[in-house]
Amino acid sequence: MVGADHSGNCPGGAHNEIPNGSPVGFIIKFNNRTLYHAGDTNVFNDMKLISDLYNPDTALLPIGGHFTMAPKEAAYALTNLLRSVCVCYPMHFLTFPILKGNV
């Protein structure tokens, strides 16, 4: 389990928010491959640490652009931070109207 950059609160009524836990991503190793599932996140500098420490060759990055990074930020992450990644699958887009990012 690795960190992510996303709010972790839900509306709680009467102008209060209910803590909903910390945002996370996952490193999954299988069959000599390493997958980075970024979870719901925006681009953040610790992605470079994730790449340096775990050397993922495949990533799942959100591109919805409202609650998560948009395609532009995902491209930046791949180009500048996640240098070990060779294959990336977009996720968290077009699942409901506000998530307008597309491949």
N, C-alpha and C. Protein backbone atom coordinates (compact mmCIF):
# COMPACT_ATOMS: atom_id res chain seq x y z
N MET A 1 0.85 -1.17 0.00
CA MET A 1 0.00 0.00 0.00
C MET A 1 0.90 1.23 0.00
N VAL A 2 0.59 2.18 -0.87
CA VAL A 2 1.36 3.42 -0.97
C VAL A 2 0.38 4.60 -0.89
N GLY A 3 0.91 5.76 -0.67
CA GLY A 3 0.08 6.95 -0.54
C GLY A 3 -0.54 7.40 -1.85
N ALA A 4 -1.53 8.26 -1.73
CA ALA A 4 -2.18 8.91 -2.86
C ALA A 4 -2.54 10.32 -2.41
N ASP A 5 -3.00 11.15 -3.33
CA ASP A 5 -3.34 12.53 -3.02
C ASP A 5 -4.79 12.78 -3.42
N HIS A 6 -5.67 12.67 -2.43
CA HIS A 6 -7.11 12.81 -2.68
C HIS A 6 -7.77 13.12 -1.34
N SER A 7 -8.85 13.88 -1.38
CA SER A 7 -9.56 14.15 -0.12
C SER A 7 -10.12 12.85 0.42
N GLY A 8 -10.25 12.78 1.73
CA GLY A 8 -10.77 11.57 2.34
C GLY A 8 -11.94 11.84 3.26
N ASN A 9 -12.77 12.80 2.92
CA ASN A 9 -13.90 13.16 3.78
C ASN A 9 -15.21 13.04 3.03
N CYS A 10 -16.26 12.80 3.78
CA CYS A 10 -17.62 12.75 3.24
C CYS A 10 -18.44 13.83 3.93
N PRO A 11 -19.41 14.40 3.23
CA PRO A 11 -20.28 15.38 3.89
C PRO A 11 -20.97 14.74 5.10
N GLY A 12 -20.98 15.48 6.21
CA GLY A 12 -21.58 14.94 7.42
C GLY A 12 -22.77 15.73 7.92
N GLY A 13 -23.22 16.69 7.18
CA GLY A 13 -24.35 17.51 7.61
C GLY A 13 -23.91 18.60 8.57
N ALA A 14 -24.68 19.63 8.67
CA ALA A 14 -24.41 20.76 9.57
C ALA A 14 -22.98 21.28 9.40
N HIS A 15 -22.51 21.37 8.16
CA HIS A 15 -21.18 21.91 7.83
C HIS A 15 -20.03 21.12 8.44
N ASN A 16 -20.27 19.87 8.75
CA ASN A 16 -19.20 19.01 9.26
C ASN A 16 -18.85 17.97 8.20
N GLU A 17 -17.63 17.52 8.26
CA GLU A 17 -17.22 16.43 7.38
C GLU A 17 -16.82 15.24 8.23
N ILE A 18 -17.11 14.07 7.73
CA ILE A 18 -16.78 12.84 8.43
C ILE A 18 -15.51 12.28 7.82
N PRO A 19 -14.45 12.08 8.63
CA PRO A 19 -13.23 11.49 8.07
C PRO A 19 -13.53 10.13 7.45
N ASN A 20 -12.95 9.89 6.29
CA ASN A 20 -13.26 8.69 5.54
C ASN A 20 -12.02 7.84 5.28
N GLY A 21 -10.93 8.11 5.99
CA GLY A 21 -9.71 7.35 5.80
C GLY A 21 -8.73 8.06 4.90
N SER A 22 -7.56 7.48 4.76
CA SER A 22 -6.50 8.06 3.94
C SER A 22 -6.55 7.50 2.53
N PRO A 23 -6.26 8.34 1.54
CA PRO A 23 -6.22 7.85 0.16
C PRO A 23 -4.98 6.97 -0.04
N VAL A 24 -5.12 5.92 -0.81
CA VAL A 24 -4.00 5.01 -1.04
C VAL A 24 -3.99 4.48 -2.47
N GLY A 25 -2.85 3.96 -2.85
CA GLY A 25 -2.67 3.20 -4.07
C GLY A 25 -2.05 1.87 -3.68
N PHE A 26 -1.80 1.02 -4.65
CA PHE A 26 -1.24 -0.30 -4.35
C PHE A 26 -0.15 -0.68 -5.34
N ILE A 27 0.86 -1.35 -4.84
CA ILE A 27 1.88 -2.00 -5.65
C ILE A 27 1.56 -3.48 -5.61
N ILE A 28 1.39 -4.09 -6.78
CA ILE A 28 1.03 -5.50 -6.85
C ILE A 28 2.07 -6.21 -7.72
N LYS A 29 2.72 -7.23 -7.13
CA LYS A 29 3.73 -7.99 -7.87
C LYS A 29 3.17 -9.35 -8.21
N PHE A 30 3.34 -9.76 -9.49
CA PHE A 30 2.89 -11.08 -9.93
C PHE A 30 3.59 -11.45 -11.23
N ASN A 31 3.94 -12.72 -11.37
CA ASN A 31 4.57 -13.23 -12.60
C ASN A 31 5.70 -12.34 -13.11
N ASN A 32 6.59 -11.94 -12.23
CA ASN A 32 7.73 -11.09 -12.60
C ASN A 32 7.32 -9.74 -13.15
N ARG A 33 6.11 -9.29 -12.84
CA ARG A 33 5.62 -7.98 -13.24
C ARG A 33 5.29 -7.19 -11.98
N THR A 34 5.32 -5.87 -12.10
CA THR A 34 4.93 -5.02 -10.99
C THR A 34 3.94 -3.98 -11.49
N LEU A 35 2.78 -3.96 -10.86
CA LEU A 35 1.69 -3.06 -11.23
C LEU A 35 1.53 -1.99 -10.15
N TYR A 36 1.39 -0.76 -10.59
CA TYR A 36 1.06 0.34 -9.69
C TYR A 36 -0.38 0.75 -9.97
N HIS A 37 -1.27 0.49 -9.00
CA HIS A 37 -2.66 0.97 -9.08
C HIS A 37 -2.71 2.24 -8.26
N ALA A 38 -2.83 3.38 -8.93
CA ALA A 38 -2.72 4.67 -8.25
C ALA A 38 -3.93 5.01 -7.39
N GLY A 39 -5.05 4.34 -7.57
CA GLY A 39 -6.25 4.68 -6.81
C GLY A 39 -6.80 6.02 -7.29
N ASP A 40 -7.64 6.63 -6.49
CA ASP A 40 -8.14 7.97 -6.79
C ASP A 40 -7.09 8.96 -6.32
N THR A 41 -6.43 9.60 -7.25
CA THR A 41 -5.35 10.51 -6.87
C THR A 41 -5.13 11.58 -7.91
N ASN A 42 -4.48 12.62 -7.49
CA ASN A 42 -3.93 13.61 -8.39
C ASN A 42 -2.46 13.28 -8.54
N VAL A 43 -1.79 13.91 -9.46
CA VAL A 43 -0.35 13.73 -9.60
C VAL A 43 0.34 14.30 -8.35
N PHE A 44 1.36 13.62 -7.85
CA PHE A 44 2.10 14.12 -6.69
C PHE A 44 3.54 13.60 -6.77
N ASN A 45 4.47 14.34 -6.20
CA ASN A 45 5.90 14.05 -6.35
C ASN A 45 6.32 12.69 -5.82
N ASP A 46 5.61 12.12 -4.86
CA ASP A 46 6.00 10.81 -4.34
C ASP A 46 5.82 9.69 -5.37
N MET A 47 5.18 9.99 -6.50
CA MET A 47 5.13 8.99 -7.57
C MET A 47 6.53 8.64 -8.04
N LYS A 48 7.46 9.59 -7.97
CA LYS A 48 8.85 9.30 -8.34
C LYS A 48 9.45 8.30 -7.36
N LEU A 49 9.17 8.46 -6.07
CA LEU A 49 9.64 7.48 -5.08
C LEU A 49 9.07 6.10 -5.35
N ILE A 50 7.80 6.06 -5.69
CA ILE A 50 7.15 4.78 -6.00
C ILE A 50 7.86 4.11 -7.18
N SER A 51 8.15 4.90 -8.20
CA SER A 51 8.86 4.37 -9.36
C SER A 51 10.27 3.91 -9.00
N ASP A 52 10.99 4.71 -8.23
CA ASP A 52 12.37 4.38 -7.85
C ASP A 52 12.45 3.16 -6.94
N LEU A 53 11.52 3.04 -6.00
CA LEU A 53 11.57 1.95 -5.03
C LEU A 53 11.01 0.63 -5.55
N TYR A 54 9.93 0.69 -6.32
CA TYR A 54 9.22 -0.53 -6.70
C TYR A 54 9.31 -0.88 -8.19
N ASN A 55 9.81 0.04 -8.99
CA ASN A 55 9.99 -0.17 -10.43
C ASN A 55 8.77 -0.78 -11.13
N PRO A 56 7.59 -0.19 -10.98
CA PRO A 56 6.44 -0.76 -11.68
C PRO A 56 6.62 -0.63 -13.19
N ASP A 57 6.25 -1.68 -13.91
CA ASP A 57 6.30 -1.61 -15.37
C ASP A 57 4.94 -1.31 -15.97
N THR A 58 3.90 -1.45 -15.16
CA THR A 58 2.52 -1.18 -15.60
C THR A 58 1.84 -0.30 -14.56
N ALA A 59 1.02 0.63 -15.02
CA ALA A 59 0.30 1.51 -14.09
C ALA A 59 -1.16 1.64 -14.50
N LEU A 60 -2.01 1.81 -13.52
CA LEU A 60 -3.40 2.20 -13.70
C LEU A 60 -3.52 3.60 -13.13
N LEU A 61 -3.78 4.58 -13.99
CA LEU A 61 -3.86 5.98 -13.54
C LEU A 61 -5.23 6.56 -13.86
N PRO A 62 -5.82 7.29 -12.90
CA PRO A 62 -7.10 7.94 -13.16
C PRO A 62 -6.91 9.13 -14.09
N ILE A 63 -7.91 9.40 -14.93
CA ILE A 63 -7.84 10.56 -15.83
C ILE A 63 -9.16 11.33 -15.88
N GLY A 64 -10.01 11.14 -14.88
CA GLY A 64 -11.33 11.76 -14.89
C GLY A 64 -11.33 13.27 -14.87
N GLY A 65 -10.32 13.87 -14.23
CA GLY A 65 -10.16 15.31 -14.28
C GLY A 65 -10.98 16.13 -13.32
N HIS A 66 -11.76 15.52 -12.46
CA HIS A 66 -12.49 16.32 -11.48
C HIS A 66 -12.05 15.95 -10.07
N PHE A 67 -12.26 14.75 -9.66
CA PHE A 67 -11.84 14.31 -8.34
C PHE A 67 -10.41 13.76 -8.37
N THR A 68 -9.91 13.53 -9.56
CA THR A 68 -8.58 12.93 -9.76
C THR A 68 -7.84 13.73 -10.82
N MET A 69 -6.66 13.25 -11.17
CA MET A 69 -5.92 13.94 -12.22
C MET A 69 -6.64 13.81 -13.56
N ALA A 70 -6.35 14.73 -14.45
CA ALA A 70 -6.87 14.71 -15.82
C ALA A 70 -5.80 14.09 -16.72
N PRO A 71 -6.12 13.87 -17.99
CA PRO A 71 -5.12 13.28 -18.89
C PRO A 71 -3.78 14.04 -18.90
N LYS A 72 -3.83 15.36 -18.82
CA LYS A 72 -2.59 16.16 -18.83
C LYS A 72 -1.70 15.81 -17.64
N GLU A 73 -2.29 15.71 -16.45
CA GLU A 73 -1.51 15.38 -15.26
C GLU A 73 -1.00 13.94 -15.31
N ALA A 74 -1.81 13.02 -15.83
CA ALA A 74 -1.38 11.62 -15.97
C ALA A 74 -0.19 11.53 -16.92
N ALA A 75 -0.25 12.27 -18.02
CA ALA A 75 0.87 12.29 -18.97
C ALA A 75 2.12 12.84 -18.30
N TYR A 76 1.96 13.89 -17.51
CA TYR A 76 3.11 14.45 -16.77
C TYR A 76 3.69 13.41 -15.82
N ALA A 77 2.82 12.72 -15.08
CA ALA A 77 3.29 11.70 -14.14
C ALA A 77 4.09 10.62 -14.86
N LEU A 78 3.59 10.16 -16.00
CA LEU A 78 4.28 9.11 -16.75
C LEU A 78 5.61 9.59 -17.32
N THR A 79 5.64 10.81 -17.80
CA THR A 79 6.85 11.34 -18.43
C THR A 79 7.92 11.72 -17.43
N ASN A 80 7.52 12.25 -16.28
CA ASN A 80 8.49 12.84 -15.36
C ASN A 80 8.67 12.10 -14.04
N LEU A 81 7.70 11.33 -13.61
CA LEU A 81 7.76 10.73 -12.27
C LEU A 81 7.80 9.20 -12.30
N LEU A 82 6.99 8.61 -13.13
CA LEU A 82 6.87 7.14 -13.18
C LEU A 82 7.69 6.61 -14.35
N ARG A 83 9.00 6.86 -14.31
CA ARG A 83 9.89 6.55 -15.44
C ARG A 83 10.01 5.05 -15.72
N SER A 84 9.72 4.20 -14.75
CA SER A 84 9.84 2.75 -14.95
C SER A 84 8.63 2.16 -15.68
N VAL A 85 7.55 2.91 -15.79
CA VAL A 85 6.30 2.39 -16.37
C VAL A 85 6.40 2.36 -17.90
N CYS A 86 6.10 1.19 -18.48
CA CYS A 86 6.09 1.01 -19.94
C CYS A 86 4.68 0.96 -20.50
N VAL A 87 3.72 0.49 -19.68
CA VAL A 87 2.33 0.35 -20.11
C VAL A 87 1.44 1.03 -19.07
N CYS A 88 0.51 1.85 -19.54
CA CYS A 88 -0.42 2.51 -18.63
C CYS A 88 -1.84 2.34 -19.12
N TYR A 89 -2.72 1.99 -18.20
CA TYR A 89 -4.15 1.88 -18.49
C TYR A 89 -4.88 3.01 -17.79
N PRO A 90 -5.66 3.80 -18.53
CA PRO A 90 -6.44 4.87 -17.90
C PRO A 90 -7.63 4.29 -17.15
N MET A 91 -8.03 4.97 -16.10
CA MET A 91 -9.20 4.53 -15.32
C MET A 91 -9.90 5.75 -14.74
N HIS A 92 -11.05 5.52 -14.13
CA HIS A 92 -11.84 6.57 -13.48
C HIS A 92 -12.17 7.73 -14.42
N PHE A 93 -12.71 7.40 -15.60
CA PHE A 93 -13.14 8.44 -16.52
C PHE A 93 -14.42 7.99 -17.22
N LEU A 94 -15.27 8.96 -17.53
CA LEU A 94 -16.55 8.73 -18.22
C LEU A 94 -17.48 7.78 -17.50
N THR A 95 -17.27 7.57 -16.19
CA THR A 95 -18.17 6.70 -15.44
C THR A 95 -19.41 7.45 -14.97
N PHE A 96 -19.31 8.76 -14.83
CA PHE A 96 -20.47 9.60 -14.65
C PHE A 96 -20.12 10.98 -15.19
N PRO A 97 -21.11 11.84 -15.50
CA PRO A 97 -20.90 13.03 -16.31
C PRO A 97 -19.77 13.97 -15.87
N ILE A 98 -19.51 14.10 -14.61
CA ILE A 98 -18.49 15.07 -14.17
C ILE A 98 -17.06 14.60 -14.50
N LEU A 99 -16.86 13.31 -14.72
CA LEU A 99 -15.54 12.77 -15.05
C LEU A 99 -15.35 12.76 -16.56
N LYS A 100 -14.96 13.90 -17.11
CA LYS A 100 -14.93 14.10 -18.54
C LYS A 100 -13.65 13.68 -19.23
N GLY A 101 -12.60 13.37 -18.50
CA GLY A 101 -11.34 12.98 -19.13
C GLY A 101 -11.54 11.83 -20.07
N ASN A 102 -10.78 11.84 -21.17
CA ASN A 102 -10.85 10.70 -22.08
C ASN A 102 -9.46 10.37 -22.60
N VAL A 103 -9.34 9.18 -23.14
CA VAL A 103 -8.05 8.70 -23.60
C VAL A 103 -7.57 9.52 -24.79
